[in-house]
Amino acid sequence: MAKQEVAMLFDSSHCTGCKGCQVACKQWNMLPSALGLNENKFTGSLQSPADLNGDTRLIMTFDEKPSGNKFQPIHWAIGRRSCFHCTNAACVEVCSSGALTKKENGVVAFDTEKCNGCTYCQSACPFDVPRFRPQDGRIDKCTLCIDRLEEGEVPACVKTCQPEALKFGPREEMIALGKQRVEFLKKKGFEKAELYGETEMGGLHVLSVLKFGHEAYGLPTDPTPNTLIPAIKAMKPIAAAGTGLVVAGLAVSFLAAMGYRRKEVTIEEAKKSWTPEQRAKADREVAELLRRERAANNETK
C-alpha cells in the first residue's frame, strides 16, 4: 500500500471523542507532553490541547453548543484536526529546504533533518496545520505514519480507534465508503451531512464524513493556498543573498501568515510584530550568513 494512492476516512458520526487517536499519535511518534502538576490548564472544553503545536500533530475538536433539547442539552460536533495531505500541497510548493515532499501514495512526508525552520509552510497552508517547535527550531506535522505504511500497516490513530470512526485504504474506496455514509446520514435527518476532501485542494488524503456540515467543524468552504505564495517562493533562496534580504524575507513571511492587507509597510514595522519563531529564524539565518562570510574570508587569506 506504500505506493498506491491511499486515504484515511474520518466518520464524525461514529466518533465518541475518546481521544485514543491523540494518545496513539503521541506514543508512536514519540512526541512529548506536559507532565507537570496542573501544567495542562482546563479551558472549560473537552478539546485539549486547544490547538495543534510543535509537539501535537493531532487533536480532536469539540463544537459544544446548547441544543435547546432538555434530554440532550449539548449539541456535539466532534471533529479531527491534523494535516490533510493535500494533492495540491501548498506547503511542499513553498518549502525552502526540501524537507516537505509529496509521495506517490499521496502522503505529504516530512524530513526533520532537512527542515530549516523557515515557517513558509505554515504561512501557505490553508488549514493552518504545520507548527513550529522552538526546542529544535523546526516545523512538525502529521506524516500519516508513513513508516508504518511502508511496512504494510495502517496509521497508529486508525489502528487504535475502537468505534471505527477511522478507516484507511485505497483513496477511491474511502471516497465510496464516505459517500455511502453521507447518504445514510441524510436519510436519518442530517441534511447538512457531507463528504469533505474529495475535491478540496485537488483532493485530500484525509477525508471526513461530517454529520453537521463542514462549517460546524471549523473547516473552510473552499480552501485555497495563501495568495502571497509567489512572494514567499521568491524568498526561498534568500539565505544566500545577504542579511538584509533575510530580514525582508521574514517580513514577507509575517505578512503572509497574518493575512496583512495594508498596501505599504516597512520592514521595521513588521519586525515589531514578529513571533518568537520568526525571531529565532532571523537569528539562525544571520548566524549562518556570518559563518559563511568568515569561511569565505579565511579562504582568501
Protein backbone atom coordinates (compact mmCIF):
# COMPACT_ATOMS: atom_id res chain seq x y z
CA MET A 1 0.00 0.00 0.00
CA ALA A 2 3.09 2.22 0.18
CA LYS A 3 2.87 3.37 -3.49
CA GLN A 4 -0.87 3.08 -4.17
CA GLU A 5 -2.80 6.32 -3.62
CA VAL A 6 -4.30 5.95 -0.17
CA ALA A 7 -6.52 7.92 2.18
CA MET A 8 -7.84 7.98 5.71
CA LEU A 9 -11.60 8.34 6.24
CA PHE A 10 -12.84 10.02 9.41
CA ASP A 11 -16.54 9.50 10.19
CA SER A 12 -17.67 12.11 12.72
CA SER A 13 -20.95 10.26 13.29
CA HIS A 14 -19.05 7.27 14.69
CA CYS A 15 -16.53 9.22 16.76
CA THR A 16 -17.05 9.17 20.54
CA GLY A 17 -14.39 11.77 21.30
CA CYS A 18 -12.34 9.33 23.37
CA LYS A 19 -9.05 10.85 22.10
CA GLY A 20 -7.42 7.43 21.86
CA CYS A 21 -6.11 8.50 18.46
CA GLN A 22 -4.38 11.50 20.03
CA VAL A 23 -2.62 9.24 22.52
CA ALA A 24 -1.64 6.73 19.83
CA CYS A 25 -0.19 9.54 17.70
CA LYS A 26 1.90 10.77 20.63
CA GLN A 27 3.11 7.28 21.50
CA TRP A 28 4.06 6.08 18.03
CA ASN A 29 5.78 9.31 17.03
CA MET A 30 7.41 9.78 20.45
CA LEU A 31 6.00 13.29 20.89
CA PRO A 32 6.35 14.78 24.38
CA SER A 33 3.52 16.05 26.55
CA ALA A 34 3.44 18.35 29.55
CA LEU A 35 3.66 16.17 32.69
CA GLY A 36 3.98 18.73 35.48
CA LEU A 37 1.33 19.12 38.18
CA ASN A 38 -1.57 21.19 36.81
CA GLU A 39 0.57 22.05 33.80
CA ASN A 40 -2.34 21.39 31.45
CA LYS A 41 -4.90 24.04 32.30
CA PHE A 42 -8.60 23.20 31.96
CA THR A 43 -10.18 25.51 29.41
CA GLY A 44 -13.80 24.58 30.06
CA SER A 45 -13.89 22.50 26.89
CA LEU A 46 -13.22 18.83 26.26
CA GLN A 47 -10.88 19.97 23.47
CA SER A 48 -7.39 19.58 24.84
CA PRO A 49 -4.96 20.96 23.94
CA ALA A 50 -6.80 23.91 22.48
CA ASP A 51 -4.85 23.77 19.21
CA LEU A 52 -2.04 21.97 17.41
CA ASN A 53 1.51 22.75 18.49
CA GLY A 54 5.05 21.62 17.78
CA ASP A 55 4.59 18.53 19.96
CA THR A 56 0.99 17.73 19.00
CA ARG A 57 0.17 16.58 15.46
CA LEU A 58 -3.48 15.66 16.06
CA ILE A 59 -6.32 16.98 18.18
CA MET A 60 -9.99 16.15 18.34
CA THR A 61 -12.11 19.30 18.14
CA PHE A 62 -15.35 19.83 20.06
CA ASP A 63 -18.04 22.27 18.96
CA GLU A 64 -20.11 22.49 22.12
CA LYS A 65 -23.32 24.47 21.79
CA PRO A 66 -26.69 24.39 23.62
CA SER A 67 -29.14 22.29 21.66
CA GLY A 68 -32.38 23.53 23.23
CA ASN A 69 -33.27 19.88 23.90
CA LYS A 70 -33.59 19.16 27.64
CA PHE A 71 -32.85 15.48 27.09
CA GLN A 72 -29.70 16.18 25.05
CA PRO A 73 -28.75 19.70 26.18
CA ILE A 74 -25.39 19.86 24.37
CA HIS A 75 -25.04 19.85 20.60
CA TRP A 76 -21.86 17.94 19.80
CA ALA A 77 -19.84 18.28 16.63
CA ILE A 78 -16.69 16.24 17.20
CA GLY A 79 -14.07 16.84 14.53
CA ARG A 80 -10.50 15.93 13.73
CA ARG A 81 -7.69 18.46 13.18
CA SER A 82 -4.40 17.41 11.62
CA CYS A 83 -2.61 17.51 8.26
CA PHE A 84 -4.99 16.73 5.39
CA HIS A 85 -2.25 15.64 2.96
CA CYS A 86 -3.45 17.77 0.05
CA THR A 87 -2.90 16.74 -3.56
CA ASN A 88 -2.05 20.37 -4.34
CA ALA A 89 0.08 20.76 -1.25
CA ALA A 90 0.98 24.44 -0.82
CA CYS A 91 3.44 23.56 1.95
CA VAL A 92 5.52 21.45 -0.44
CA GLU A 93 5.43 24.20 -3.05
CA VAL A 94 6.96 26.81 -0.75
CA CYS A 95 9.29 24.63 1.36
CA SER A 96 12.71 26.30 1.16
CA SER A 97 14.78 23.28 2.19
CA GLY A 98 13.13 20.28 0.53
CA ALA A 99 12.02 18.93 3.90
CA LEU A 100 8.43 18.51 2.67
CA THR A 101 7.80 16.13 -0.23
CA LYS A 102 4.77 14.59 -1.94
CA LYS A 103 4.87 10.79 -2.20
CA GLU A 104 3.28 8.61 -4.89
CA ASN A 105 0.66 7.38 -2.43
CA GLY A 106 -0.49 10.95 -1.69
CA VAL A 107 1.26 11.35 1.66
CA VAL A 108 2.94 14.69 2.32
CA ALA A 109 6.08 13.41 4.01
CA PHE A 110 8.41 15.41 6.22
CA ASP A 111 12.16 15.08 6.80
CA THR A 112 13.03 16.84 10.05
CA GLU A 113 16.75 16.72 9.28
CA LYS A 114 16.26 18.94 6.23
CA CYS A 115 13.93 21.49 7.88
CA ASN A 116 15.49 24.93 8.42
CA GLY A 117 12.52 26.32 10.36
CA CYS A 118 11.64 28.98 7.77
CA THR A 119 7.89 28.56 8.57
CA TYR A 120 6.91 29.26 4.94
CA CYS A 121 4.78 26.08 5.01
CA GLN A 122 2.86 27.37 7.99
CA SER A 123 2.08 30.59 6.12
CA ALA A 124 1.00 28.76 2.96
CA CYS A 125 -1.25 26.08 4.45
CA PRO A 126 -4.98 26.94 4.14
CA PHE A 127 -5.69 24.74 7.17
CA ASP A 128 -3.01 26.31 9.41
CA VAL A 129 -1.51 22.91 10.24
CA PRO A 130 2.32 22.85 10.31
CA ARG A 131 3.57 24.08 13.67
CA PHE A 132 6.93 25.35 14.86
CA ARG A 133 8.96 23.52 17.50
CA PRO A 134 11.02 26.09 19.45
CA GLN A 135 13.02 23.26 21.07
CA ASP A 136 14.87 22.46 17.85
CA GLY A 137 13.84 25.31 15.55
CA ARG A 138 11.92 23.10 13.13
CA ILE A 139 8.39 22.52 11.88
CA ASP A 140 6.39 19.42 12.77
CA LYS A 141 3.22 17.86 11.35
CA CYS A 142 1.44 14.56 10.71
CA THR A 143 3.18 12.21 8.26
CA LEU A 144 0.25 9.75 8.11
CA CYS A 145 2.68 7.33 9.82
CA ILE A 146 4.45 6.73 6.52
CA ASP A 147 6.94 4.48 8.31
CA ARG A 148 4.05 2.18 9.21
CA LEU A 149 2.60 2.34 5.68
CA GLU A 150 5.91 1.20 4.22
CA GLU A 151 5.65 -1.93 6.38
CA GLY A 152 2.08 -2.67 5.29
CA GLU A 153 0.50 -1.29 8.48
CA VAL A 154 -2.14 1.43 8.91
CA PRO A 155 -1.55 4.74 10.75
CA ALA A 156 -1.38 4.46 14.53
CA CYS A 157 -4.55 6.54 15.04
CA VAL A 158 -6.53 4.22 12.75
CA LYS A 159 -5.18 1.13 14.50
CA THR A 160 -6.34 2.32 17.91
CA CYS A 161 -9.80 3.70 17.01
CA GLN A 162 -12.29 1.46 18.83
CA PRO A 163 -15.58 2.84 17.42
CA GLU A 164 -14.10 2.50 13.89
CA ALA A 165 -14.54 6.19 13.17
CA LEU A 166 -11.25 5.98 11.28
CA LYS A 167 -10.69 3.76 8.27
CA PHE A 168 -7.74 3.52 5.90
CA GLY A 169 -7.25 2.14 2.41
CA PRO A 170 -7.18 2.99 -1.31
CA ARG A 171 -8.48 6.52 -1.78
CA GLU A 172 -11.23 5.60 -4.22
CA GLU A 173 -12.57 3.00 -1.79
CA MET A 174 -12.56 5.55 1.05
CA ILE A 175 -14.47 8.04 -1.13
CA ALA A 176 -17.08 5.38 -1.94
CA LEU A 177 -17.47 4.47 1.74
CA GLY A 178 -17.76 8.13 2.66
CA LYS A 179 -20.49 8.79 0.12
CA GLN A 180 -22.45 5.77 1.31
CA ARG A 181 -22.28 7.02 4.87
CA VAL A 182 -23.38 10.54 3.89
CA GLU A 183 -26.40 9.11 2.07
CA PHE A 184 -27.30 7.09 5.19
CA LEU A 185 -26.99 10.15 7.47
CA LYS A 186 -29.19 12.28 5.22
CA LYS A 187 -31.88 9.63 5.35
CA LYS A 188 -31.64 9.86 9.15
CA GLY A 189 -32.38 13.58 9.01
CA PHE A 190 -28.89 15.10 8.98
CA GLU A 191 -29.48 17.32 5.96
CA LYS A 192 -26.09 19.02 6.10
CA ALA A 193 -24.10 15.77 6.15
CA GLU A 194 -21.28 15.83 3.59
CA LEU A 195 -18.04 14.21 2.50
CA TYR A 196 -15.23 16.76 2.83
CA GLY A 197 -12.00 16.33 0.91
CA GLU A 198 -12.94 14.67 -2.36
CA THR A 199 -12.07 17.76 -4.41
CA GLU A 200 -10.73 20.34 -1.93
CA MET A 201 -7.10 21.35 -2.65
CA GLY A 202 -7.04 18.95 -5.59
CA GLY A 203 -8.26 16.15 -3.32
CA LEU A 204 -7.35 15.46 0.30
CA HIS A 205 -5.90 12.19 1.56
CA VAL A 206 -7.67 12.62 4.87
CA LEU A 207 -11.37 12.57 4.03
CA SER A 208 -14.12 13.45 6.51
CA VAL A 209 -17.76 12.46 6.82
CA LEU A 210 -19.20 15.50 8.60
CA LYS A 211 -22.60 14.94 10.13
CA PHE A 212 -23.44 18.62 10.62
CA GLY A 213 -21.65 20.11 7.58
CA HIS A 214 -18.11 21.45 7.40
CA GLU A 215 -18.92 24.84 8.98
CA ALA A 216 -19.73 23.19 12.32
CA TYR A 217 -16.21 21.71 12.38
CA GLY A 218 -14.41 24.94 11.54
CA LEU A 219 -13.33 23.86 8.07
CA PRO A 220 -13.08 26.36 5.17
CA THR A 221 -15.71 26.18 2.44
CA ASP A 222 -13.26 26.49 -0.43
CA PRO A 223 -9.71 26.14 0.91
CA THR A 224 -7.07 27.81 -1.25
CA PRO A 225 -3.34 28.36 -0.72
CA ASN A 226 -2.24 31.71 0.67
CA THR A 227 -2.41 34.38 -2.05
CA LEU A 228 1.11 35.54 -1.18
CA ILE A 229 2.70 32.20 -2.13
CA PRO A 230 4.50 33.76 -5.16
CA ALA A 231 6.14 36.26 -2.80
CA ILE A 232 7.04 33.51 -0.35
CA LYS A 233 8.53 31.39 -3.14
CA ALA A 234 10.63 34.35 -4.21
CA MET A 235 12.22 34.29 -0.76
CA LYS A 236 13.23 30.60 -0.87
CA PRO A 237 16.84 31.20 -1.96
CA ILE A 238 17.17 34.19 0.34
CA ALA A 239 19.71 32.65 2.71
CA ALA A 240 22.44 33.08 0.12
CA ALA A 241 21.56 36.67 -0.70
CA GLY A 242 22.59 38.59 2.42
CA THR A 243 21.36 39.57 5.86
CA GLY A 244 19.24 42.47 4.66
CA LEU A 245 17.30 40.25 2.29
CA VAL A 246 16.79 37.68 5.05
CA VAL A 247 15.03 40.34 7.08
CA ALA A 248 12.94 41.30 4.04
CA GLY A 249 12.03 37.65 3.50
CA LEU A 250 10.90 37.32 7.10
CA ALA A 251 8.76 40.41 6.73
CA VAL A 252 7.02 38.80 3.73
CA SER A 253 6.56 35.59 5.74
CA PHE A 254 4.99 37.57 8.57
CA LEU A 255 2.60 39.38 6.25
CA ALA A 256 1.56 36.12 4.62
CA ALA A 257 0.95 34.43 7.95
CA MET A 258 -1.14 37.30 9.33
CA GLY A 259 -3.15 37.92 6.16
CA TYR A 260 -1.93 41.54 6.23
CA ARG A 261 -3.68 43.74 3.68
CA ARG A 262 -2.12 47.18 4.05
CA LYS A 263 -0.58 48.41 0.79
CA GLU A 264 2.65 49.68 2.35
CA VAL A 265 4.52 48.50 5.44
CA THR A 266 8.14 48.95 6.40
CA ILE A 267 10.35 46.08 7.49
CA GLU A 268 10.90 47.77 10.85
CA GLU A 269 7.13 47.89 11.44
CA ALA A 270 6.83 44.19 10.61
CA LYS A 271 9.72 43.30 12.92
CA LYS A 272 7.83 44.75 15.90
CA SER A 273 5.14 42.09 15.46
CA TRP A 274 7.35 39.08 14.72
CA THR A 275 6.57 35.91 16.60
CA PRO A 276 9.28 34.16 18.67
CA GLU A 277 9.55 31.63 15.84
CA GLN A 278 10.29 34.34 13.28
CA ARG A 279 12.86 35.98 15.54
CA ALA A 280 14.53 32.61 16.09
CA LYS A 281 14.66 32.10 12.33
CA ALA A 282 16.26 35.51 11.85
CA ASP A 283 18.92 34.66 14.42
CA ARG A 284 19.68 31.34 12.73
CA GLU A 285 19.83 32.81 9.23
CA VAL A 286 22.06 35.71 10.25
CA ALA A 287 24.39 33.41 12.19
CA GLU A 288 24.67 31.14 9.15
CA LEU A 289 25.44 34.08 6.86
CA LEU A 290 28.12 35.33 9.23
CA ARG A 291 29.63 31.85 9.39
CA ARG A 292 29.77 31.66 5.60
CA GLU A 293 31.31 35.12 5.40
CA ARG A 294 34.03 34.20 7.90
CA ALA A 295 34.73 30.98 6.00
CA ALA A 296 34.99 32.89 2.71
CA ASN A 297 37.37 35.42 4.27
CA ASN A 298 39.57 32.65 5.66
CA GLU A 299 39.79 31.05 2.21
CA THR A 300 41.03 34.32 0.64
CA LYS A 301 43.78 34.82 3.22
